[in-house]
Amino acid sequence: RRIQHTVLRINSININRAIDKKPEVEGLDRVY
């Protein structure tokens, strides 16, 4: 369970980073 917990934590961090990057990409798409 410890391994799964760490994997889930890493996945959640990656998802949060992807969500943070999305608005920037959408903003660039709207400008162009």
PDB file of N, CA and C in Angstrom:
ATOM      1  N   ARG A   1       0.838  -1.211   0.000  1.00  0.00           N
ATOM      2  CA  ARG A   1       0.000   0.000   0.000  1.00  0.00           C
ATOM      3  C   ARG A   1       0.873   1.262   0.000  1.00  0.00           C
ATOM      4  N   ARG A   2       2.019   1.183   0.625  1.00  0.00           N
ATOM      5  CA  ARG A   2       2.891   2.373   0.648  1.00  0.00           C
ATOM      6  C   ARG A   2       3.304   2.748  -0.767  1.00  0.00           C
ATOM      7  N   ILE A   3       3.645   1.738  -1.574  1.00  0.00           N
ATOM      8  CA  ILE A   3       4.078   2.024  -2.951  1.00  0.00           C
ATOM      9  C   ILE A   3       2.923   2.663  -3.715  1.00  0.00           C
ATOM     10  N   GLN A   4       1.718   2.109  -3.594  1.00  0.00           N
ATOM     11  CA  GLN A   4       0.562   2.667  -4.297  1.00  0.00           C
ATOM     12  C   GLN A   4       0.304   4.100  -3.831  1.00  0.00           C
ATOM     13  N   HIS A   5       0.465   4.350  -2.539  1.00  0.00           N
ATOM     14  CA  HIS A   5       0.207   5.690  -2.010  1.00  0.00           C
ATOM     15  C   HIS A   5       1.170   6.702  -2.617  1.00  0.00           C
ATOM     16  N   THR A   6       2.438   6.330  -2.705  1.00  0.00           N
ATOM     17  CA  THR A   6       3.428   7.257  -3.267  1.00  0.00           C
ATOM     18  C   THR A   6       3.140   7.476  -4.742  1.00  0.00           C
ATOM     19  N   VAL A   7       2.729   6.425  -5.451  1.00  0.00           N
ATOM     20  CA  VAL A   7       2.417   6.560  -6.879  1.00  0.00           C
ATOM     21  C   VAL A   7       1.233   7.493  -7.052  1.00  0.00           C
ATOM     22  N   LEU A   8       0.206   7.322  -6.231  1.00  0.00           N
ATOM     23  CA  LEU A   8      -0.972   8.193  -6.328  1.00  0.00           C
ATOM     24  C   LEU A   8      -0.576   9.636  -6.046  1.00  0.00           C
ATOM     25  N   ARG A   9       0.303   9.831  -5.069  1.00  0.00           N
ATOM     26  CA  ARG A   9       0.742  11.191  -4.731  1.00  0.00           C
ATOM     27  C   ARG A   9       1.482  11.809  -5.911  1.00  0.00           C
ATOM     28  N   ILE A  10       2.370  11.042  -6.552  1.00  0.00           N
ATOM     29  CA  ILE A  10       3.113  11.553  -7.714  1.00  0.00           C
ATOM     30  C   ILE A  10       2.144  11.878  -8.841  1.00  0.00           C
ATOM     31  N   ASN A  11       1.170  11.000  -9.074  1.00  0.00           N
ATOM     32  CA  ASN A  11       0.194  11.233 -10.139  1.00  0.00           C
ATOM     33  C   ASN A  11      -0.595  12.506  -9.866  1.00  0.00           C
ATOM     34  N   SER A  12      -1.009  12.723  -8.613  1.00  0.00           N
ATOM     35  CA  SER A  12      -1.777  13.920  -8.283  1.00  0.00           C
ATOM     36  C   SER A  12      -0.932  15.168  -8.508  1.00  0.00           C
ATOM     37  N   ILE A  13       0.357  15.112  -8.189  1.00  0.00           N
ATOM     38  CA  ILE A  13       1.246  16.259  -8.410  1.00  0.00           C
ATOM     39  C   ILE A  13       1.363  16.537  -9.904  1.00  0.00           C
ATOM     40  N   ASN A  14       1.532  15.493 -10.705  1.00  0.00           N
ATOM     41  CA  ASN A  14       1.645  15.668 -12.155  1.00  0.00           C
ATOM     42  C   ASN A  14       0.356  16.242 -12.720  1.00  0.00           C
ATOM     43  N   ILE A  15      -0.800  15.769 -12.222  1.00  0.00           N
ATOM     44  CA  ILE A  15      -2.090  16.278 -12.703  1.00  0.00           C
ATOM     45  C   ILE A  15      -2.214  17.752 -12.346  1.00  0.00           C
ATOM     46  N   ASN A  16      -1.822  18.117 -11.123  1.00  0.00           N
ATOM     47  CA  ASN A  16      -1.906  19.516 -10.707  1.00  0.00           C
ATOM     48  C   ASN A  16      -1.019  20.389 -11.585  1.00  0.00           C
ATOM     49  N   ARG A  17       0.158  19.910 -11.927  1.00  0.00           N
ATOM     50  CA  ARG A  17       1.062  20.679 -12.795  1.00  0.00           C
ATOM     51  C   ARG A  17       0.452  20.831 -14.182  1.00  0.00           C
ATOM     52  N   ALA A  18      -0.161  19.777 -14.694  1.00  0.00           N
ATOM     53  CA  ALA A  18      -0.784  19.824 -16.022  1.00  0.00           C
ATOM     54  C   ALA A  18      -1.928  20.830 -16.008  1.00  0.00           C
ATOM     55  N   ILE A  19      -2.720  20.848 -14.921  1.00  0.00           N
ATOM     56  CA  ILE A  19      -3.839  21.794 -14.821  1.00  0.00           C
ATOM     57  C   ILE A  19      -3.292  23.218 -14.762  1.00  0.00           C
ATOM     58  N   ASP A  20      -2.192  23.418 -14.037  1.00  0.00           N
ATOM     59  CA  ASP A  20      -1.605  24.761 -13.941  1.00  0.00           C
ATOM     60  C   ASP A  20      -1.102  25.222 -15.303  1.00  0.00           C
ATOM     61  N   LYS A  21      -0.612  24.307 -16.124  1.00  0.00           N
ATOM     62  CA  LYS A  21      -0.067  24.676 -17.430  1.00  0.00           C
ATOM     63  C   LYS A  21      -1.176  24.905 -18.454  1.00  0.00           C
ATOM     64  N   LYS A  22      -2.321  24.262 -18.285  1.00  0.00           N
ATOM     65  CA  LYS A  22      -3.400  24.357 -19.281  1.00  0.00           C
ATOM     66  C   LYS A  22      -3.843  25.794 -19.541  1.00  0.00           C
ATOM     67  N   PRO A  23      -4.141  26.594 -18.520  1.00  0.00           N
ATOM     68  CA  PRO A  23      -4.587  27.974 -18.784  1.00  0.00           C
ATOM     69  C   PRO A  23      -3.577  28.756 -19.612  1.00  0.00           C
ATOM     70  N   GLU A  24      -2.289  28.531 -19.387  1.00  0.00           N
ATOM     71  CA  GLU A  24      -1.263  29.246 -20.155  1.00  0.00           C
ATOM     72  C   GLU A  24      -1.346  28.844 -21.622  1.00  0.00           C
ATOM     73  N   VAL A  25      -1.480  27.568 -21.889  1.00  0.00           N
ATOM     74  CA  VAL A  25      -1.559  27.081 -23.273  1.00  0.00           C
ATOM     75  C   VAL A  25      -2.827  27.613 -23.925  1.00  0.00           C
ATOM     76  N   GLU A  26      -3.951  27.571 -23.213  1.00  0.00           N
ATOM     77  CA  GLU A  26      -5.216  28.061 -23.767  1.00  0.00           C
ATOM     78  C   GLU A  26      -5.109  29.554 -24.048  1.00  0.00           C
ATOM     79  N   GLY A  27      -4.449  30.285 -23.165  1.00  0.00           N
ATOM     80  CA  GLY A  27      -4.284  31.718 -23.371  1.00  0.00           C
ATOM     81  C   GLY A  27      -3.486  31.994 -24.635  1.00  0.00           C
ATOM     82  N   LEU A  28      -2.408  31.224 -24.852  1.00  0.00           N
ATOM     83  CA  LEU A  28      -1.598  31.410 -26.062  1.00  0.00           C
ATOM     84  C   LEU A  28      -2.428  31.073 -27.297  1.00  0.00           C
ATOM     85  N   ASP A  29      -3.236  30.014 -27.207  1.00  0.00           N
ATOM     86  CA  ASP A  29      -4.064  29.621 -28.352  1.00  0.00           C
ATOM     87  C   ASP A  29      -5.059  30.735 -28.667  1.00  0.00           C
ATOM     88  N   ARG A  30      -5.595  31.374 -27.655  1.00  0.00           N
ATOM     89  CA  ARG A  30      -6.574  32.441 -27.878  1.00  0.00           C
ATOM     90  C   ARG A  30      -5.907  33.663 -28.498  1.00  0.00           C
ATOM     91  N   VAL A  31      -4.690  33.969 -28.073  1.00  0.00           N
ATOM     92  CA  VAL A  31      -3.982  35.133 -28.626  1.00  0.00           C
ATOM     93  C   VAL A  31      -3.739  34.921 -30.107  1.00  0.00           C
ATOM     94  N   TYR A  32      -3.290  33.719 -30.465  1.00  0.00           N
ATOM     95  CA  TYR A  32      -3.036  33.429 -31.879  1.00  0.00           C
ATOM     96  C   TYR A  32      -4.338  33.001 -32.535  1.00  0.00           C
TER      97      TYR A  32
END
